[in-house]
Amino acid sequence: MIAIGPFRQHVYHSLFDHHTPCARRFEALCGFLALLSVITIFFESGIGTTFRLSWIEWHFFVWLEAGFTFLFTLEYCLRVFSWPKPAKYVFGFWGIVDLVTILPLYVILLWPEIGLEYVFAWRALRVIRVLRILKLLRLMPALNGLWAAMVNSRHQLILFYSFIAIIMVIAGALMYGIEGPANGFTTLSTAVYWAIVTVTTVGYGDIAPHTPAGRIVASILILIGYSVIAIPTGIITSQMTSEIQKRRLARICPYCQQNGHDIMAKFCKSCGHPLKEEK
């Protein structure tokens, strides 16, 4: 790690070292503010669409957003300032999330005509603000195990979903030929859309087969649909079990060299000495 000053070190440990109570409380506070901000955005969207708000009522939401933006901007600046390699944080996943979710208010302040003239742009900025919900992922370190399991099983998942995609195209082409435009299958893309909706057992009902042959194809797709849920779940669960087992074997007591401790264990099951905390 690059050498940084004592103050930056203190700020870094206060923000990023989750083994300290200060960092855990800070992350909990940021998560609470992010959740409160997203709830406010939903209220603003619902009330603003249903009722015609006065300028004073709109200003209440604007000031709330300004307060949230100020707090998240301060958090972002502190994180960039304390990180040993600021550029690495800025262009990393969390740096991009932190930056993107504070930009909407600044965009509206700098170019107010965007929000007034382009309704879609205003909605897009509102959606971007909702991405603050991603900040809650910082409070879920167990997701690292899930992510590792998905990365380790990526080849099997890619192979499985590629096979399913081929089945969707073939089924869509069959239904386009069997049912045709007269029964709603106007294009190949529409037929493939119907196949995807059917194989996921959603079945919106906007398009349905009317011929006996079409219903046979639909029945086969519905049966295939169960594997779409079961097979990926089995693959990821198997990898997660392997990942947990690896982490258990990696936890070795520094005194008696005993391994195989539970992930949440704090003391050695053999000699009783304290174990190093899981990172």
Protein backbone atom coordinates (compact mmCIF):
# COMPACT_ATOMS: atom_id res chain seq x y z
CA MET A 1 0.00 0.00 0.00
CA ILE A 2 1.26 3.51 -0.79
CA ALA A 3 2.35 5.48 2.28
CA ILE A 4 -0.22 8.09 3.27
CA GLY A 5 -0.31 10.68 6.04
CA PRO A 6 -1.67 9.94 9.52
CA PHE A 7 -4.88 11.94 8.96
CA ARG A 8 -5.62 10.18 5.66
CA GLN A 9 -4.86 6.85 7.34
CA HIS A 10 -7.33 7.66 10.10
CA VAL A 11 -10.01 8.63 7.57
CA TYR A 12 -9.27 5.51 5.52
CA HIS A 13 -9.72 3.17 8.50
CA SER A 14 -12.86 5.06 9.55
CA LEU A 15 -14.42 4.54 6.11
CA PHE A 16 -13.08 1.26 4.75
CA ASP A 17 -11.84 -0.93 7.61
CA HIS A 18 -14.97 -2.92 8.48
CA HIS A 19 -13.20 -4.52 11.43
CA THR A 20 -13.52 -1.20 13.31
CA PRO A 21 -16.82 -0.12 14.93
CA CYS A 22 -16.45 3.36 13.40
CA ALA A 23 -16.37 2.03 9.83
CA ARG A 24 -19.30 -0.31 10.46
CA ARG A 25 -21.37 2.53 11.92
CA PHE A 26 -20.42 4.80 9.01
CA GLU A 27 -21.49 2.17 6.45
CA ALA A 28 -24.75 1.63 8.34
CA LEU A 29 -25.40 5.40 8.31
CA CYS A 30 -24.67 5.62 4.56
CA GLY A 31 -26.93 2.65 3.92
CA PHE A 32 -29.72 4.24 5.96
CA LEU A 33 -29.37 7.56 4.10
CA ALA A 34 -29.35 5.76 0.74
CA LEU A 35 -32.53 3.86 1.65
CA LEU A 36 -34.19 7.03 2.94
CA SER A 37 -33.19 8.84 -0.25
CA VAL A 38 -34.69 6.12 -2.48
CA ILE A 39 -37.93 6.11 -0.45
CA THR A 40 -38.11 9.90 -0.89
CA ILE A 41 -37.66 9.52 -4.65
CA PHE A 42 -40.54 7.03 -4.79
CA PHE A 43 -42.76 9.44 -2.82
CA GLU A 44 -41.75 12.30 -5.11
CA SER A 45 -42.51 10.21 -8.21
CA GLY A 46 -45.89 8.99 -6.90
CA ILE A 47 -47.14 12.27 -5.45
CA GLY A 48 -45.79 14.36 -8.33
CA THR A 49 -47.55 12.16 -10.89
CA THR A 50 -50.87 11.80 -9.05
CA PHE A 51 -51.29 15.33 -7.72
CA ARG A 52 -50.43 18.77 -9.06
CA LEU A 53 -47.93 20.04 -6.50
CA SER A 54 -47.38 23.71 -5.70
CA TRP A 55 -43.96 25.35 -5.95
CA ILE A 56 -43.58 25.19 -2.17
CA GLU A 57 -44.30 21.44 -2.16
CA TRP A 58 -41.86 20.85 -5.01
CA HIS A 59 -39.24 22.89 -3.18
CA PHE A 60 -39.58 20.56 -0.18
CA PHE A 61 -38.47 17.61 -2.34
CA VAL A 62 -35.76 19.73 -3.99
CA TRP A 63 -34.30 20.68 -0.61
CA LEU A 64 -34.44 17.06 0.53
CA GLU A 65 -32.56 16.01 -2.60
CA ALA A 66 -30.06 18.82 -2.07
CA GLY A 67 -29.43 17.58 1.47
CA PHE A 68 -28.91 13.98 0.36
CA THR A 69 -26.66 15.10 -2.51
CA PHE A 70 -24.53 17.21 -0.17
CA LEU A 71 -24.06 14.30 2.26
CA PHE A 72 -23.23 11.81 -0.51
CA THR A 73 -20.87 14.33 -2.15
CA LEU A 74 -19.05 14.73 1.18
CA GLU A 75 -18.84 10.93 1.49
CA TYR A 76 -17.49 10.62 -2.06
CA CYS A 77 -14.83 13.30 -1.50
CA LEU A 78 -13.71 11.67 1.77
CA ARG A 79 -13.43 8.26 0.10
CA VAL A 80 -11.39 9.65 -2.81
CA PHE A 81 -9.20 11.68 -0.44
CA SER A 82 -8.42 8.76 1.88
CA TRP A 83 -7.92 6.03 -0.73
CA PRO A 84 -4.18 5.31 -1.29
CA LYS A 85 -4.67 5.39 -5.08
CA PRO A 86 -7.56 7.83 -5.69
CA ALA A 87 -7.78 7.09 -9.44
CA LYS A 88 -8.24 3.40 -8.73
CA TYR A 89 -11.22 4.17 -6.49
CA VAL A 90 -12.73 6.75 -8.87
CA PHE A 91 -12.75 4.30 -11.78
CA GLY A 92 -13.70 1.29 -9.65
CA PHE A 93 -17.24 -0.06 -9.24
CA TRP A 94 -18.02 1.74 -5.97
CA GLY A 95 -16.42 4.96 -7.15
CA ILE A 96 -18.61 5.01 -10.27
CA VAL A 97 -21.74 4.23 -8.22
CA ASP A 98 -20.94 6.99 -5.72
CA LEU A 99 -20.24 9.53 -8.49
CA VAL A 100 -23.19 8.70 -10.74
CA THR A 101 -25.74 8.91 -7.93
CA ILE A 102 -24.72 12.46 -6.96
CA LEU A 103 -24.62 13.86 -10.51
CA PRO A 104 -28.38 14.35 -11.26
CA LEU A 105 -28.85 17.42 -9.05
CA TYR A 106 -25.69 19.06 -10.40
CA VAL A 107 -26.84 18.38 -13.97
CA ILE A 108 -30.21 20.04 -13.26
CA LEU A 109 -28.50 23.01 -11.58
CA LEU A 110 -26.07 23.51 -14.47
CA TRP A 111 -28.55 22.81 -17.29
CA PRO A 112 -32.09 23.42 -15.95
CA GLU A 113 -33.52 23.39 -19.48
CA ILE A 114 -32.88 19.63 -19.63
CA GLY A 115 -35.45 18.92 -16.92
CA LEU A 116 -37.92 21.45 -18.32
CA GLU A 117 -37.81 20.51 -22.00
CA TYR A 118 -37.05 16.79 -21.96
CA VAL A 119 -39.34 14.73 -19.74
CA PHE A 120 -37.39 11.56 -20.57
CA ALA A 121 -34.17 13.15 -19.33
CA TRP A 122 -35.87 14.07 -16.05
CA ARG A 123 -37.09 10.49 -15.63
CA ALA A 124 -33.62 9.16 -16.47
CA LEU A 125 -32.06 11.38 -13.79
CA ARG A 126 -34.64 10.13 -11.29
CA VAL A 127 -33.77 6.53 -12.18
CA ILE A 128 -30.06 7.26 -11.70
CA ARG A 129 -30.78 8.58 -8.21
CA VAL A 130 -32.54 5.32 -7.38
CA LEU A 131 -29.20 3.56 -7.98
CA ARG A 132 -28.25 4.78 -4.50
CA ILE A 133 -29.88 1.56 -3.34
CA LEU A 134 -26.65 -0.13 -4.49
CA LYS A 135 -24.91 1.46 -1.51
CA LEU A 136 -26.70 -1.09 0.67
CA LEU A 137 -24.53 -3.81 -0.90
CA ARG A 138 -21.63 -2.51 1.18
CA LEU A 139 -23.50 -3.81 4.23
CA MET A 140 -23.62 -7.34 2.78
CA PRO A 141 -20.08 -8.80 2.82
CA ALA A 142 -21.56 -12.30 2.41
CA LEU A 143 -22.26 -11.35 -1.21
CA ASN A 144 -18.57 -11.92 -1.89
CA GLY A 145 -19.15 -15.66 -1.53
CA LEU A 146 -22.14 -15.54 -3.89
CA TRP A 147 -20.17 -13.52 -6.44
CA ALA A 148 -17.21 -15.93 -6.23
CA ALA A 149 -19.59 -18.87 -6.78
CA MET A 150 -21.09 -17.20 -9.87
CA VAL A 151 -17.63 -16.41 -11.27
CA ASN A 152 -16.45 -19.99 -10.71
CA SER A 153 -19.54 -21.42 -12.40
CA ARG A 154 -19.59 -18.92 -15.28
CA HIS A 155 -18.57 -21.49 -17.92
CA GLN A 156 -21.39 -23.89 -17.00
CA LEU A 157 -23.90 -21.03 -16.82
CA ILE A 158 -22.83 -19.59 -20.17
CA LEU A 159 -23.08 -23.04 -21.76
CA PHE A 160 -26.54 -23.68 -20.27
CA TYR A 161 -28.01 -20.30 -21.23
CA SER A 162 -26.49 -20.53 -24.72
CA PHE A 163 -28.30 -23.85 -25.15
CA ILE A 164 -31.54 -22.26 -23.88
CA ALA A 165 -31.09 -19.35 -26.31
CA ILE A 166 -30.75 -21.80 -29.21
CA ILE A 167 -33.92 -23.58 -28.07
CA MET A 168 -35.74 -20.21 -27.93
CA VAL A 169 -34.77 -19.33 -31.51
CA ILE A 170 -35.79 -22.77 -32.81
CA ALA A 171 -39.09 -22.70 -30.91
CA GLY A 172 -39.81 -19.17 -32.11
CA ALA A 173 -39.15 -20.15 -35.71
CA LEU A 174 -41.43 -23.19 -35.35
CA MET A 175 -44.26 -21.10 -33.89
CA TYR A 176 -43.83 -18.45 -36.57
CA GLY A 177 -44.21 -21.16 -39.20
CA ILE A 178 -47.05 -23.02 -37.44
CA GLU A 179 -49.20 -20.15 -36.15
CA GLY A 180 -48.28 -17.29 -38.48
CA PRO A 181 -49.41 -13.64 -38.40
CA ALA A 182 -53.10 -14.66 -38.25
CA ASN A 183 -52.64 -15.84 -34.64
CA GLY A 184 -50.45 -12.95 -33.46
CA PHE A 185 -47.01 -14.32 -34.43
CA THR A 186 -46.38 -11.48 -36.87
CA THR A 187 -42.56 -11.62 -36.89
CA LEU A 188 -39.78 -13.97 -35.90
CA SER A 189 -38.78 -11.62 -33.05
CA THR A 190 -42.36 -11.69 -31.72
CA ALA A 191 -42.35 -15.49 -31.86
CA VAL A 192 -39.02 -15.65 -29.98
CA TYR A 193 -40.41 -13.21 -27.40
CA TRP A 194 -43.38 -15.55 -26.91
CA ALA A 195 -40.99 -18.52 -26.51
CA ILE A 196 -39.00 -16.69 -23.80
CA VAL A 197 -42.16 -15.71 -21.93
CA THR A 198 -43.43 -19.29 -22.14
CA VAL A 199 -40.21 -21.03 -21.12
CA THR A 200 -39.95 -18.80 -18.03
CA THR A 201 -43.54 -19.93 -17.16
CA VAL A 202 -44.67 -16.29 -17.02
CA GLY A 203 -47.30 -16.49 -19.77
CA TYR A 204 -48.58 -12.91 -20.17
CA GLY A 205 -51.40 -14.08 -22.43
CA ASP A 206 -50.94 -11.34 -25.04
CA ILE A 207 -50.02 -14.04 -27.58
CA ALA A 208 -51.22 -17.64 -27.41
CA PRO A 209 -51.12 -20.63 -29.77
CA HIS A 210 -54.41 -21.63 -31.41
CA THR A 211 -53.43 -24.70 -33.41
CA PRO A 212 -52.85 -28.23 -31.98
CA ALA A 213 -49.23 -28.24 -33.21
CA GLY A 214 -48.59 -24.86 -31.62
CA ARG A 215 -49.99 -26.06 -28.30
CA ILE A 216 -47.69 -29.09 -28.40
CA VAL A 217 -44.67 -26.81 -28.86
CA ALA A 218 -45.93 -24.61 -26.02
CA SER A 219 -46.30 -27.63 -23.72
CA ILE A 220 -42.73 -28.75 -24.45
CA LEU A 221 -41.43 -25.25 -23.72
CA ILE A 222 -43.31 -25.13 -20.40
CA LEU A 223 -41.71 -28.43 -19.36
CA ILE A 224 -38.27 -27.11 -20.40
CA GLY A 225 -39.00 -24.01 -18.34
CA TYR A 226 -38.59 -25.87 -15.05
CA SER A 227 -34.96 -26.62 -15.92
CA VAL A 228 -34.32 -22.90 -16.45
CA ILE A 229 -34.78 -22.44 -12.70
CA ALA A 230 -33.51 -25.79 -11.36
CA ILE A 231 -30.24 -26.26 -13.27
CA PRO A 232 -28.61 -22.81 -12.66
CA THR A 233 -29.71 -22.96 -9.01
CA GLY A 234 -28.01 -26.35 -8.62
CA ILE A 235 -24.82 -25.14 -10.32
CA ILE A 236 -24.52 -21.99 -8.16
CA THR A 237 -25.44 -23.84 -4.94
CA SER A 238 -22.74 -26.44 -5.63
CA GLN A 239 -20.14 -23.72 -6.16
CA MET A 240 -21.25 -21.86 -3.02
CA THR A 241 -20.86 -25.04 -0.97
CA SER A 242 -17.35 -25.50 -2.37
CA GLU A 243 -16.51 -21.86 -1.63
CA ILE A 244 -17.68 -22.15 1.99
CA GLN A 245 -15.66 -25.36 2.41
CA LYS A 246 -12.54 -23.64 1.03
CA ARG A 247 -12.96 -20.74 3.45
CA ARG A 248 -13.40 -23.14 6.36
CA LEU A 249 -10.21 -25.01 5.44
CA ALA A 250 -8.38 -21.71 5.05
CA ARG A 251 -9.12 -20.70 8.66
CA ILE A 252 -6.11 -22.12 10.50
CA CYS A 253 -5.42 -21.60 14.18
CA PRO A 254 -2.04 -19.80 14.53
CA TYR A 255 -1.30 -21.76 17.73
CA CYS A 256 -2.19 -25.41 17.02
CA GLN A 257 -2.55 -25.23 13.19
CA GLN A 258 -6.04 -26.79 13.38
CA ASN A 259 -8.20 -25.95 10.34
CA GLY A 260 -11.85 -26.49 9.39
CA HIS A 261 -13.31 -23.80 11.64
CA ASP A 262 -16.73 -22.29 10.96
CA ILE A 263 -16.66 -18.96 9.12
CA MET A 264 -18.21 -17.11 12.09
CA ALA A 265 -16.04 -18.87 14.72
CA LYS A 266 -13.96 -16.58 16.96
CA PHE A 267 -12.02 -19.24 18.89
CA CYS A 268 -10.20 -22.42 17.90
CA LYS A 269 -12.34 -25.52 18.38
CA SER A 270 -9.25 -27.48 19.43
CA CYS A 271 -7.16 -25.26 21.74
CA GLY A 272 -9.54 -22.35 22.41
CA HIS A 273 -7.20 -19.58 21.29
CA PRO A 274 -8.66 -16.57 19.38
CA LEU A 275 -8.81 -16.87 15.59
CA LYS A 276 -8.05 -14.13 13.13
CA GLU A 277 -11.17 -12.37 11.89
CA GLU A 278 -12.51 -13.37 8.50
CA LYS A 279 -11.93 -10.67 5.85
